[in-house]
N, C-alpha and C. Protein backbone atom coordinates (compact mmCIF):
# COMPACT_ATOMS: atom_id res chain seq x y z
N MET A 1 6.29 -23.57 17.16
CA MET A 1 5.43 -23.03 16.11
C MET A 1 4.03 -23.64 16.19
N PHE A 2 3.97 -24.97 16.03
CA PHE A 2 2.71 -25.69 16.20
C PHE A 2 2.90 -26.68 17.35
N ASP A 3 2.78 -26.19 18.58
CA ASP A 3 3.06 -27.06 19.72
C ASP A 3 1.94 -28.06 19.94
N ARG A 4 2.33 -29.21 20.46
CA ARG A 4 1.41 -30.33 20.61
C ARG A 4 0.23 -30.00 21.50
N PHE A 5 0.48 -29.29 22.59
CA PHE A 5 -0.58 -28.95 23.52
C PHE A 5 -1.68 -28.13 22.83
N SER A 6 -1.28 -27.11 22.08
CA SER A 6 -2.27 -26.26 21.40
C SER A 6 -3.07 -27.04 20.36
N LEU A 7 -2.38 -27.91 19.61
CA LEU A 7 -3.06 -28.70 18.58
C LEU A 7 -4.10 -29.64 19.20
N ILE A 8 -3.72 -30.30 20.30
CA ILE A 8 -4.66 -31.21 20.97
C ILE A 8 -5.81 -30.43 21.59
N LYS A 9 -5.49 -29.29 22.20
CA LYS A 9 -6.54 -28.47 22.83
C LYS A 9 -7.57 -28.00 21.80
N LYS A 10 -7.09 -27.52 20.65
CA LYS A 10 -8.00 -27.04 19.61
C LYS A 10 -8.82 -28.18 19.02
N THR A 11 -8.21 -29.37 18.95
CA THR A 11 -8.95 -30.53 18.45
C THR A 11 -10.07 -30.91 19.40
N LEU A 12 -9.77 -30.89 20.69
CA LEU A 12 -10.79 -31.20 21.70
C LEU A 12 -11.92 -30.17 21.66
N GLN A 13 -11.56 -28.89 21.55
CA GLN A 13 -12.57 -27.83 21.48
C GLN A 13 -13.45 -28.00 20.25
N ARG A 14 -12.83 -28.38 19.16
CA ARG A 14 -13.57 -28.59 17.92
C ARG A 14 -14.56 -29.75 18.04
N GLU A 15 -14.18 -30.74 18.83
CA GLU A 15 -15.04 -31.92 19.03
C GLU A 15 -16.06 -31.70 20.15
N GLY A 16 -16.00 -30.52 20.78
CA GLY A 16 -16.99 -30.19 21.80
C GLY A 16 -16.62 -30.55 23.22
N TYR A 17 -15.34 -30.86 23.47
CA TYR A 17 -14.90 -31.22 24.82
C TYR A 17 -14.55 -29.97 25.63
N ASP A 18 -14.70 -30.07 26.93
CA ASP A 18 -14.31 -28.99 27.85
C ASP A 18 -12.81 -29.07 28.09
N THR A 19 -12.08 -27.99 27.80
CA THR A 19 -10.62 -28.00 27.95
C THR A 19 -10.16 -27.07 29.07
N SER A 20 -11.06 -26.68 29.95
CA SER A 20 -10.72 -25.71 30.99
C SER A 20 -9.69 -26.26 31.98
N ILE A 21 -9.67 -27.57 32.18
CA ILE A 21 -8.72 -28.16 33.16
C ILE A 21 -7.61 -28.94 32.46
N LEU A 22 -7.48 -28.78 31.15
CA LEU A 22 -6.44 -29.50 30.42
C LEU A 22 -5.05 -28.99 30.82
N ARG A 23 -4.14 -29.93 31.11
CA ARG A 23 -2.77 -29.58 31.52
C ARG A 23 -1.78 -29.94 30.42
N ASN A 24 -0.73 -29.14 30.33
CA ASN A 24 0.34 -29.40 29.37
C ASN A 24 1.32 -30.41 29.97
N ASP A 25 0.84 -31.63 30.07
CA ASP A 25 1.60 -32.73 30.65
C ASP A 25 1.70 -33.84 29.61
N GLU A 26 2.91 -34.31 29.31
CA GLU A 26 3.11 -35.28 28.23
C GLU A 26 2.31 -36.56 28.44
N ALA A 27 2.27 -37.03 29.68
CA ALA A 27 1.53 -38.27 29.96
C ALA A 27 0.03 -38.07 29.70
N VAL A 28 -0.48 -36.94 30.12
CA VAL A 28 -1.90 -36.63 29.89
C VAL A 28 -2.18 -36.49 28.40
N LEU A 29 -1.28 -35.79 27.69
CA LEU A 29 -1.47 -35.60 26.25
C LEU A 29 -1.39 -36.92 25.50
N ASP A 30 -0.48 -37.82 25.92
CA ASP A 30 -0.39 -39.15 25.30
C ASP A 30 -1.70 -39.91 25.46
N GLU A 31 -2.26 -39.83 26.66
CA GLU A 31 -3.52 -40.53 26.93
C GLU A 31 -4.67 -39.97 26.09
N ILE A 32 -4.73 -38.65 26.01
CA ILE A 32 -5.80 -38.01 25.24
C ILE A 32 -5.66 -38.32 23.75
N GLU A 33 -4.42 -38.25 23.25
CA GLU A 33 -4.20 -38.52 21.83
C GLU A 33 -4.56 -39.96 21.49
N GLY A 34 -4.19 -40.89 22.38
CA GLY A 34 -4.54 -42.30 22.16
C GLY A 34 -6.04 -42.51 22.16
N SER A 35 -6.73 -41.82 23.07
CA SER A 35 -8.19 -41.94 23.14
C SER A 35 -8.85 -41.39 21.88
N LEU A 36 -8.34 -40.26 21.39
CA LEU A 36 -8.89 -39.67 20.17
C LEU A 36 -8.65 -40.56 18.97
N LYS A 37 -7.47 -41.18 18.89
CA LYS A 37 -7.17 -42.07 17.77
C LYS A 37 -8.09 -43.28 17.77
N ASN A 38 -8.40 -43.79 18.95
CA ASN A 38 -9.32 -44.93 19.05
C ASN A 38 -10.72 -44.56 18.53
N LYS A 39 -11.04 -43.28 18.62
CA LYS A 39 -12.33 -42.81 18.11
C LYS A 39 -12.27 -42.36 16.66
N GLY A 40 -11.10 -42.54 16.04
CA GLY A 40 -10.93 -42.16 14.64
C GLY A 40 -10.70 -40.68 14.44
N ILE A 41 -10.27 -39.98 15.49
CA ILE A 41 -10.02 -38.53 15.40
C ILE A 41 -8.52 -38.28 15.35
N GLU A 42 -8.06 -37.70 14.27
CA GLU A 42 -6.64 -37.43 14.08
C GLU A 42 -6.27 -36.04 14.60
N ILE A 43 -5.12 -35.96 15.25
CA ILE A 43 -4.61 -34.66 15.68
C ILE A 43 -3.92 -34.01 14.48
N PRO A 44 -4.29 -32.79 14.11
CA PRO A 44 -3.65 -32.14 12.96
C PRO A 44 -2.19 -31.82 13.24
N LYS A 45 -1.40 -31.77 12.18
CA LYS A 45 0.01 -31.40 12.30
C LYS A 45 0.18 -29.88 12.41
N ALA A 46 -0.82 -29.16 11.91
CA ALA A 46 -0.77 -27.69 11.96
C ALA A 46 -2.18 -27.14 11.80
N ILE A 47 -2.41 -25.98 12.40
CA ILE A 47 -3.69 -25.28 12.26
C ILE A 47 -3.37 -23.82 11.93
N ILE A 48 -3.96 -23.33 10.85
CA ILE A 48 -3.74 -21.95 10.42
C ILE A 48 -5.04 -21.17 10.48
N SER A 49 -5.01 -20.04 11.15
CA SER A 49 -6.18 -19.15 11.21
C SER A 49 -5.67 -17.71 11.33
N PRO A 50 -6.49 -16.73 10.94
CA PRO A 50 -6.04 -15.33 10.99
C PRO A 50 -5.96 -14.79 12.41
N ASN A 51 -5.07 -13.83 12.60
CA ASN A 51 -4.98 -13.10 13.86
C ASN A 51 -6.01 -11.99 13.83
N LEU A 52 -7.17 -12.21 14.47
CA LEU A 52 -8.27 -11.26 14.40
C LEU A 52 -7.94 -9.93 15.09
N THR A 53 -7.15 -9.99 16.16
CA THR A 53 -6.78 -8.76 16.86
C THR A 53 -5.97 -7.84 15.95
N LYS A 54 -4.99 -8.42 15.27
CA LYS A 54 -4.17 -7.63 14.34
C LYS A 54 -5.02 -7.10 13.19
N ALA A 55 -5.95 -7.92 12.71
CA ALA A 55 -6.84 -7.49 11.62
C ALA A 55 -7.69 -6.30 12.06
N GLN A 56 -8.21 -6.35 13.28
CA GLN A 56 -9.05 -5.26 13.77
C GLN A 56 -8.25 -3.98 13.95
N LEU A 57 -7.03 -4.07 14.46
CA LEU A 57 -6.21 -2.88 14.67
C LEU A 57 -5.89 -2.20 13.34
N LEU A 58 -5.52 -3.00 12.34
CA LEU A 58 -5.23 -2.43 11.03
C LEU A 58 -6.49 -1.87 10.40
N ASN A 59 -7.61 -2.52 10.66
CA ASN A 59 -8.88 -2.04 10.12
C ASN A 59 -9.24 -0.68 10.73
N LEU A 60 -8.98 -0.52 12.02
CA LEU A 60 -9.24 0.77 12.67
C LEU A 60 -8.36 1.88 12.08
N LEU A 61 -7.11 1.53 11.77
CA LEU A 61 -6.22 2.51 11.15
C LEU A 61 -6.75 2.93 9.79
N LYS A 62 -7.20 1.95 8.99
CA LYS A 62 -7.76 2.27 7.67
C LYS A 62 -9.01 3.14 7.80
N ILE A 63 -9.86 2.80 8.76
CA ILE A 63 -11.09 3.58 8.98
C ILE A 63 -10.75 5.01 9.35
N PHE A 64 -9.75 5.19 10.22
CA PHE A 64 -9.33 6.53 10.64
C PHE A 64 -8.86 7.35 9.44
N LEU A 65 -8.03 6.75 8.60
CA LEU A 65 -7.49 7.47 7.45
C LEU A 65 -8.58 7.80 6.44
N TYR A 66 -9.46 6.83 6.16
CA TYR A 66 -10.54 7.07 5.20
C TYR A 66 -11.51 8.14 5.73
N THR A 67 -11.86 8.04 7.01
CA THR A 67 -12.81 8.98 7.59
C THR A 67 -12.24 10.39 7.63
N PHE A 68 -10.97 10.49 8.03
CA PHE A 68 -10.31 11.79 8.09
C PHE A 68 -10.28 12.44 6.71
N SER A 69 -9.95 11.64 5.68
CA SER A 69 -9.90 12.17 4.32
C SER A 69 -11.29 12.62 3.86
N ALA A 70 -12.31 11.82 4.21
CA ALA A 70 -13.68 12.16 3.81
C ALA A 70 -14.14 13.45 4.47
N VAL A 71 -13.83 13.62 5.75
CA VAL A 71 -14.23 14.83 6.48
C VAL A 71 -13.55 16.07 5.89
N ILE A 72 -12.26 15.97 5.60
CA ILE A 72 -11.55 17.10 5.01
C ILE A 72 -12.17 17.48 3.66
N PHE A 73 -12.49 16.45 2.86
CA PHE A 73 -13.10 16.72 1.56
C PHE A 73 -14.45 17.42 1.71
N VAL A 74 -15.28 16.90 2.64
CA VAL A 74 -16.61 17.48 2.85
C VAL A 74 -16.51 18.92 3.35
N LEU A 75 -15.62 19.17 4.28
CA LEU A 75 -15.49 20.51 4.85
C LEU A 75 -14.97 21.52 3.83
N VAL A 76 -14.00 21.09 3.02
CA VAL A 76 -13.48 21.98 1.98
C VAL A 76 -14.58 22.28 0.96
N PHE A 77 -15.35 21.24 0.60
CA PHE A 77 -16.44 21.42 -0.35
C PHE A 77 -17.49 22.39 0.20
N MET A 78 -17.87 22.19 1.48
CA MET A 78 -18.87 23.05 2.10
C MET A 78 -18.37 24.48 2.23
N TYR A 79 -17.08 24.64 2.53
CA TYR A 79 -16.51 25.98 2.69
C TYR A 79 -16.50 26.73 1.36
N ILE A 80 -16.11 26.01 0.28
CA ILE A 80 -16.07 26.65 -1.04
C ILE A 80 -17.46 27.10 -1.47
N ILE A 81 -18.45 26.20 -1.30
CA ILE A 81 -19.82 26.55 -1.68
C ILE A 81 -20.37 27.64 -0.76
N GLY A 82 -20.07 27.51 0.53
CA GLY A 82 -20.58 28.48 1.50
C GLY A 82 -20.07 29.89 1.26
N THR A 83 -18.85 30.01 0.72
CA THR A 83 -18.31 31.34 0.43
C THR A 83 -18.88 31.91 -0.87
N ALA A 84 -19.40 31.01 -1.72
CA ALA A 84 -19.94 31.48 -3.00
C ALA A 84 -21.44 31.78 -2.91
N VAL A 85 -22.15 31.02 -2.06
CA VAL A 85 -23.61 31.15 -1.98
C VAL A 85 -24.01 31.19 -0.51
N GLU A 86 -24.97 31.97 -0.18
CA GLU A 86 -25.49 32.02 1.19
C GLU A 86 -26.44 30.85 1.40
N LEU A 87 -25.97 29.82 2.13
CA LEU A 87 -26.77 28.61 2.32
C LEU A 87 -27.49 28.66 3.66
N THR A 88 -28.44 29.57 3.79
CA THR A 88 -29.16 29.75 5.05
C THR A 88 -29.92 28.50 5.45
N VAL A 89 -30.61 27.90 4.48
CA VAL A 89 -31.40 26.70 4.78
C VAL A 89 -30.51 25.56 5.25
N LEU A 90 -29.39 25.36 4.54
CA LEU A 90 -28.46 24.28 4.93
C LEU A 90 -27.92 24.51 6.33
N LYS A 91 -27.57 25.77 6.63
CA LYS A 91 -27.03 26.08 7.94
C LYS A 91 -28.04 25.77 9.04
N GLU A 92 -29.31 26.12 8.78
CA GLU A 92 -30.34 25.88 9.78
C GLU A 92 -30.57 24.38 10.00
N VAL A 93 -30.53 23.63 8.91
CA VAL A 93 -30.72 22.17 9.03
C VAL A 93 -29.57 21.56 9.82
N LEU A 94 -28.34 21.95 9.52
CA LEU A 94 -27.18 21.40 10.23
C LEU A 94 -27.16 21.83 11.69
N LEU A 95 -27.70 23.01 11.97
CA LEU A 95 -27.78 23.46 13.36
C LEU A 95 -28.67 22.56 14.20
N LEU A 96 -29.66 21.95 13.56
CA LEU A 96 -30.57 21.05 14.28
C LEU A 96 -29.84 19.83 14.82
N VAL A 97 -28.76 19.43 14.14
CA VAL A 97 -27.98 18.26 14.60
C VAL A 97 -26.69 18.70 15.30
N GLY A 98 -26.62 19.98 15.65
CA GLY A 98 -25.51 20.49 16.45
C GLY A 98 -24.28 20.89 15.68
N ILE A 99 -24.40 21.07 14.33
CA ILE A 99 -23.25 21.45 13.51
C ILE A 99 -23.42 22.90 13.07
N ASN A 100 -22.46 23.73 13.46
CA ASN A 100 -22.49 25.14 13.11
C ASN A 100 -21.39 25.43 12.10
N LEU A 101 -21.82 25.77 10.86
CA LEU A 101 -20.83 26.01 9.81
C LEU A 101 -19.98 27.24 10.09
N ASP A 102 -20.43 28.10 10.96
CA ASP A 102 -19.65 29.29 11.29
C ASP A 102 -18.43 28.93 12.14
N ASN A 103 -18.49 27.75 12.75
CA ASN A 103 -17.37 27.28 13.55
C ASN A 103 -16.85 26.00 12.90
N ILE A 104 -16.00 26.14 11.90
CA ILE A 104 -15.61 25.01 11.08
C ILE A 104 -14.79 23.96 11.85
N PHE A 105 -14.00 24.40 12.84
CA PHE A 105 -13.20 23.44 13.61
C PHE A 105 -14.09 22.53 14.44
N SER A 106 -15.06 23.12 15.12
CA SER A 106 -16.00 22.34 15.92
C SER A 106 -16.81 21.41 15.02
N SER A 107 -17.21 21.89 13.85
CA SER A 107 -17.96 21.07 12.90
C SER A 107 -17.13 19.88 12.45
N ALA A 108 -15.85 20.12 12.21
CA ALA A 108 -14.97 19.03 11.75
C ALA A 108 -14.89 17.91 12.78
N ILE A 109 -14.77 18.28 14.04
CA ILE A 109 -14.68 17.29 15.10
C ILE A 109 -15.95 16.45 15.18
N LYS A 110 -17.11 17.11 15.10
CA LYS A 110 -18.38 16.39 15.21
C LYS A 110 -18.63 15.47 14.02
N ILE A 111 -18.33 16.00 12.82
CA ILE A 111 -18.52 15.18 11.62
C ILE A 111 -17.57 13.98 11.65
N PHE A 112 -16.33 14.25 12.03
CA PHE A 112 -15.34 13.17 12.10
C PHE A 112 -15.76 12.10 13.10
N ALA A 113 -16.22 12.54 14.27
CA ALA A 113 -16.62 11.58 15.31
C ALA A 113 -17.80 10.72 14.84
N ALA A 114 -18.77 11.35 14.20
CA ALA A 114 -19.95 10.61 13.74
C ALA A 114 -19.58 9.59 12.68
N LEU A 115 -18.79 10.01 11.69
CA LEU A 115 -18.38 9.10 10.63
C LEU A 115 -17.46 8.00 11.16
N PHE A 116 -16.58 8.37 12.10
CA PHE A 116 -15.63 7.39 12.63
C PHE A 116 -16.36 6.28 13.40
N LEU A 117 -17.33 6.67 14.25
CA LEU A 117 -18.07 5.66 15.01
C LEU A 117 -18.89 4.76 14.09
N ALA A 118 -19.50 5.34 13.08
CA ALA A 118 -20.28 4.54 12.14
C ALA A 118 -19.37 3.60 11.36
N SER A 119 -18.21 4.09 10.97
CA SER A 119 -17.26 3.27 10.20
C SER A 119 -16.71 2.13 11.04
N ILE A 120 -16.43 2.39 12.33
CA ILE A 120 -15.92 1.34 13.22
C ILE A 120 -16.93 0.20 13.30
N THR A 121 -18.19 0.54 13.50
CA THR A 121 -19.23 -0.49 13.61
C THR A 121 -19.29 -1.35 12.36
N ILE A 122 -19.32 -0.69 11.22
CA ILE A 122 -19.38 -1.42 9.94
C ILE A 122 -18.08 -2.21 9.72
N GLY A 123 -16.94 -1.58 10.03
CA GLY A 123 -15.66 -2.24 9.81
C GLY A 123 -15.47 -3.49 10.65
N VAL A 124 -15.86 -3.42 11.93
CA VAL A 124 -15.75 -4.60 12.81
C VAL A 124 -16.61 -5.75 12.28
N MET A 125 -17.81 -5.43 11.85
CA MET A 125 -18.69 -6.45 11.31
C MET A 125 -18.12 -7.08 10.05
N MET A 126 -17.49 -6.27 9.19
CA MET A 126 -16.92 -6.78 7.95
C MET A 126 -15.72 -7.69 8.22
N VAL A 127 -14.87 -7.30 9.17
CA VAL A 127 -13.69 -8.11 9.49
C VAL A 127 -14.10 -9.48 10.00
N TYR A 128 -15.05 -9.51 10.95
CA TYR A 128 -15.48 -10.79 11.48
C TYR A 128 -16.20 -11.62 10.43
N ALA A 129 -16.97 -10.96 9.56
CA ALA A 129 -17.68 -11.69 8.51
C ALA A 129 -16.70 -12.33 7.54
N ASN A 130 -15.59 -11.64 7.26
CA ASN A 130 -14.63 -12.14 6.28
C ASN A 130 -13.60 -13.10 6.86
N LEU A 131 -13.26 -12.96 8.13
CA LEU A 131 -12.16 -13.74 8.69
C LEU A 131 -12.57 -14.75 9.76
N TYR A 132 -13.68 -14.47 10.47
CA TYR A 132 -14.03 -15.32 11.59
C TYR A 132 -14.32 -16.76 11.13
N LYS A 133 -13.73 -17.72 11.83
CA LYS A 133 -13.90 -19.15 11.55
C LYS A 133 -13.31 -19.58 10.21
N LYS A 134 -12.41 -18.77 9.66
CA LYS A 134 -11.67 -19.19 8.47
C LYS A 134 -10.41 -19.91 8.96
N THR A 135 -10.35 -21.22 8.77
CA THR A 135 -9.29 -22.03 9.37
C THR A 135 -8.90 -23.17 8.43
N ILE A 136 -7.60 -23.50 8.43
CA ILE A 136 -7.11 -24.66 7.69
C ILE A 136 -6.47 -25.63 8.69
N TYR A 137 -6.92 -26.89 8.64
CA TYR A 137 -6.34 -27.97 9.44
C TYR A 137 -5.49 -28.84 8.53
N PHE A 138 -4.21 -28.99 8.86
CA PHE A 138 -3.30 -29.82 8.07
C PHE A 138 -3.11 -31.17 8.76
N TYR A 139 -3.56 -32.23 8.08
CA TYR A 139 -3.43 -33.58 8.61
C TYR A 139 -2.29 -34.31 7.89
N SER A 140 -2.18 -35.61 8.11
CA SER A 140 -1.06 -36.37 7.55
C SER A 140 -1.13 -36.48 6.03
N ASN A 141 -2.33 -36.55 5.45
CA ASN A 141 -2.44 -36.73 4.00
C ASN A 141 -3.45 -35.80 3.33
N LYS A 142 -3.98 -34.85 4.08
CA LYS A 142 -4.96 -33.93 3.51
C LYS A 142 -5.06 -32.69 4.38
N LEU A 143 -5.74 -31.67 3.83
CA LEU A 143 -6.06 -30.50 4.63
C LEU A 143 -7.57 -30.30 4.61
N GLU A 144 -8.07 -29.69 5.66
CA GLU A 144 -9.49 -29.37 5.73
C GLU A 144 -9.62 -27.86 5.89
N TYR A 145 -10.41 -27.25 5.01
CA TYR A 145 -10.55 -25.80 4.98
C TYR A 145 -11.97 -25.42 5.33
N TYR A 146 -12.10 -24.54 6.33
CA TYR A 146 -13.41 -24.08 6.79
C TYR A 146 -13.50 -22.57 6.58
N GLU A 147 -14.61 -22.13 6.00
CA GLU A 147 -14.85 -20.71 5.79
C GLU A 147 -16.35 -20.43 5.77
N LYS A 148 -16.80 -19.61 6.72
CA LYS A 148 -18.20 -19.18 6.78
C LYS A 148 -19.17 -20.36 6.70
N GLY A 149 -18.86 -21.42 7.42
CA GLY A 149 -19.76 -22.57 7.46
C GLY A 149 -19.54 -23.56 6.34
N ASN A 150 -18.71 -23.21 5.34
CA ASN A 150 -18.41 -24.14 4.25
C ASN A 150 -17.18 -24.96 4.58
N TYR A 151 -17.12 -26.17 4.02
CA TYR A 151 -16.06 -27.11 4.36
C TYR A 151 -15.51 -27.76 3.09
N GLN A 152 -14.18 -27.83 3.01
CA GLN A 152 -13.53 -28.54 1.91
C GLN A 152 -12.47 -29.47 2.45
N SER A 153 -12.45 -30.70 1.95
CA SER A 153 -11.39 -31.64 2.27
C SER A 153 -10.54 -31.81 1.01
N ILE A 154 -9.27 -31.47 1.10
CA ILE A 154 -8.41 -31.43 -0.09
C ILE A 154 -7.18 -32.31 0.14
N PRO A 155 -6.99 -33.36 -0.67
CA PRO A 155 -5.78 -34.17 -0.54
C PRO A 155 -4.55 -33.37 -0.98
N TYR A 156 -3.41 -33.69 -0.40
CA TYR A 156 -2.21 -32.91 -0.68
C TYR A 156 -1.77 -33.01 -2.14
N LYS A 157 -2.18 -34.06 -2.83
CA LYS A 157 -1.81 -34.19 -4.24
C LYS A 157 -2.45 -33.08 -5.08
N ASP A 158 -3.51 -32.45 -4.54
CA ASP A 158 -4.18 -31.36 -5.25
C ASP A 158 -3.64 -29.98 -4.86
N VAL A 159 -2.64 -29.96 -3.98
CA VAL A 159 -2.00 -28.70 -3.59
C VAL A 159 -0.72 -28.53 -4.40
N THR A 160 -0.68 -27.54 -5.26
CA THR A 160 0.48 -27.36 -6.13
C THR A 160 1.58 -26.51 -5.49
N SER A 161 1.22 -25.62 -4.57
CA SER A 161 2.24 -24.80 -3.91
C SER A 161 1.70 -24.18 -2.63
N VAL A 162 2.62 -23.91 -1.71
CA VAL A 162 2.30 -23.18 -0.47
C VAL A 162 3.24 -21.98 -0.41
N ASN A 163 2.69 -20.79 -0.56
CA ASN A 163 3.51 -19.58 -0.58
C ASN A 163 2.89 -18.52 0.34
N TYR A 164 3.52 -17.37 0.35
CA TYR A 164 2.98 -16.27 1.15
C TYR A 164 3.30 -14.95 0.46
N SER A 165 2.57 -13.93 0.84
CA SER A 165 2.85 -12.57 0.38
C SER A 165 2.56 -11.61 1.52
N LYS A 166 3.08 -10.41 1.39
CA LYS A 166 2.88 -9.39 2.43
C LYS A 166 2.14 -8.19 1.81
N ASN A 167 1.12 -7.73 2.53
CA ASN A 167 0.30 -6.63 2.05
C ASN A 167 -0.04 -5.74 3.24
N PHE A 168 0.13 -4.42 3.07
CA PHE A 168 -0.10 -3.52 4.20
C PHE A 168 -1.52 -3.61 4.72
N PHE A 169 -2.49 -3.71 3.82
CA PHE A 169 -3.89 -3.71 4.23
C PHE A 169 -4.42 -5.10 4.57
N LYS A 170 -3.75 -6.15 4.13
CA LYS A 170 -4.22 -7.52 4.39
C LYS A 170 -3.28 -8.31 5.30
N GLY A 171 -2.18 -7.68 5.72
CA GLY A 171 -1.24 -8.38 6.58
C GLY A 171 -0.45 -9.42 5.81
N ASP A 172 0.11 -10.37 6.53
CA ASP A 172 0.84 -11.48 5.91
C ASP A 172 -0.17 -12.54 5.46
N ILE A 173 -0.10 -12.90 4.19
CA ILE A 173 -1.11 -13.76 3.57
C ILE A 173 -0.51 -15.11 3.24
N LEU A 174 -1.13 -16.18 3.72
CA LEU A 174 -0.76 -17.54 3.34
C LEU A 174 -1.58 -17.91 2.11
N ILE A 175 -0.89 -18.42 1.06
CA ILE A 175 -1.55 -18.72 -0.21
C ILE A 175 -1.29 -20.18 -0.58
N LEU A 176 -2.36 -20.94 -0.72
CA LEU A 176 -2.28 -22.32 -1.18
C LEU A 176 -2.89 -22.40 -2.58
N LYS A 177 -2.07 -22.73 -3.56
CA LYS A 177 -2.58 -22.90 -4.92
C LYS A 177 -2.97 -24.36 -5.14
N LEU A 178 -4.10 -24.55 -5.82
CA LEU A 178 -4.64 -25.89 -6.01
C LEU A 178 -4.68 -26.23 -7.50
N THR A 179 -4.79 -27.51 -7.80
CA THR A 179 -4.94 -27.93 -9.18
C THR A 179 -6.28 -27.42 -9.72
N GLY A 180 -6.30 -27.20 -11.02
CA GLY A 180 -7.56 -26.74 -11.61
C GLY A 180 -7.55 -25.26 -11.91
N GLY A 181 -6.48 -24.80 -12.56
CA GLY A 181 -6.45 -23.41 -13.00
C GLY A 181 -6.09 -22.43 -11.91
N GLU A 182 -7.00 -21.47 -11.68
CA GLU A 182 -6.72 -20.37 -10.77
C GLU A 182 -7.22 -20.61 -9.35
N GLN A 183 -7.56 -21.84 -9.01
CA GLN A 183 -8.10 -22.11 -7.67
C GLN A 183 -7.00 -21.92 -6.62
N LYS A 184 -7.38 -21.27 -5.52
CA LYS A 184 -6.43 -21.08 -4.44
C LYS A 184 -7.17 -20.77 -3.15
N ILE A 185 -6.47 -20.95 -2.05
CA ILE A 185 -6.99 -20.62 -0.72
C ILE A 185 -6.06 -19.57 -0.12
N GLU A 186 -6.65 -18.50 0.41
CA GLU A 186 -5.86 -17.45 1.04
C GLU A 186 -6.37 -17.17 2.44
N ILE A 187 -5.44 -17.00 3.37
CA ILE A 187 -5.80 -16.55 4.72
C ILE A 187 -4.93 -15.35 5.06
N ASN A 188 -5.58 -14.24 5.37
CA ASN A 188 -4.87 -13.01 5.70
C ASN A 188 -4.50 -12.97 7.18
N PHE A 189 -3.57 -12.08 7.51
CA PHE A 189 -3.15 -11.81 8.90
C PHE A 189 -2.68 -13.08 9.62
N VAL A 190 -1.78 -13.82 8.95
CA VAL A 190 -1.20 -15.02 9.55
C VAL A 190 0.10 -14.63 10.24
N ASP A 191 0.22 -14.95 11.52
CA ASP A 191 1.44 -14.65 12.27
C ASP A 191 2.59 -15.56 11.82
N ASP A 192 3.81 -15.03 11.81
CA ASP A 192 5.02 -15.81 11.46
C ASP A 192 4.82 -16.58 10.15
N VAL A 193 4.29 -15.89 9.15
CA VAL A 193 3.88 -16.58 7.93
C VAL A 193 5.04 -17.23 7.19
N GLU A 194 6.23 -16.61 7.21
CA GLU A 194 7.36 -17.17 6.48
C GLU A 194 7.79 -18.52 7.08
N GLU A 195 7.91 -18.58 8.40
CA GLU A 195 8.30 -19.82 9.06
C GLU A 195 7.23 -20.89 8.90
N LYS A 196 5.98 -20.49 9.03
CA LYS A 196 4.88 -21.45 8.88
C LYS A 196 4.80 -21.98 7.46
N CYS A 197 5.09 -21.13 6.50
CA CYS A 197 5.06 -21.56 5.11
C CYS A 197 6.08 -22.68 4.86
N LYS A 198 7.26 -22.56 5.43
CA LYS A 198 8.29 -23.60 5.28
C LYS A 198 7.82 -24.91 5.90
N LEU A 199 7.27 -24.85 7.10
CA LEU A 199 6.80 -26.06 7.78
C LEU A 199 5.65 -26.71 7.02
N LEU A 200 4.74 -25.90 6.51
CA LEU A 200 3.59 -26.43 5.78
C LEU A 200 4.02 -27.07 4.46
N ASN A 201 5.03 -26.52 3.82
CA ASN A 201 5.56 -27.12 2.61
C ASN A 201 6.12 -28.51 2.91
N ASN A 202 6.79 -28.63 4.05
CA ASN A 202 7.33 -29.93 4.44
C ASN A 202 6.20 -30.94 4.70
N ILE A 203 5.13 -30.48 5.35
CA ILE A 203 4.01 -31.37 5.62
C ILE A 203 3.36 -31.86 4.33
N VAL A 204 3.16 -30.92 3.40
CA VAL A 204 2.50 -31.27 2.13
C VAL A 204 3.38 -32.20 1.30
N LYS A 205 4.67 -31.89 1.22
CA LYS A 205 5.57 -32.67 0.36
C LYS A 205 5.88 -34.06 0.93
N SER A 206 5.80 -34.20 2.25
CA SER A 206 6.14 -35.49 2.87
C SER A 206 4.96 -36.45 2.92
N ALA A 207 3.79 -36.02 2.46
CA ALA A 207 2.60 -36.88 2.51
C ALA A 207 2.69 -38.00 1.49
């Protein structure tokens, strides 16, 4: 689940070390861990971050459904109005951008393609803005939470619970509730969230 090699590799990357030639060898890992400890750098017991690939795929599905629904609505609206009123000016304007209302199927494809491409661009930017570099490092007596350049160091005594929930649009969500009312930390699209939740509860409770 949280293998030693990955934890050490991510720690080295975080500290700015080159890990391109790092080998999954116990003797090498022992040496590296000892060197890091001498420098006051602790290897985390667990690292939690969102699965960006899964987030992007689900985001594309949402964009497809929203765009398709919007196109159908627009076309039905245009058809109803077009049958009631002769919209010569509108037709001429739309012809300038290659949309012919007399051919509704072809118009649907073009409108859908334009909206879909625009939505993908915006959607990708939103996913990375919301999820990129959102990470929790679990150490022996505290956790460190990073989000959009902000940093929090939270002792485990301030963590009241570690739970999870499942949501179609947000994936599997890890939820850490903190002391102080409604304060909590959430990370969406966490792989194997149920198993990780159990391990993280053990880490927090054993501190």
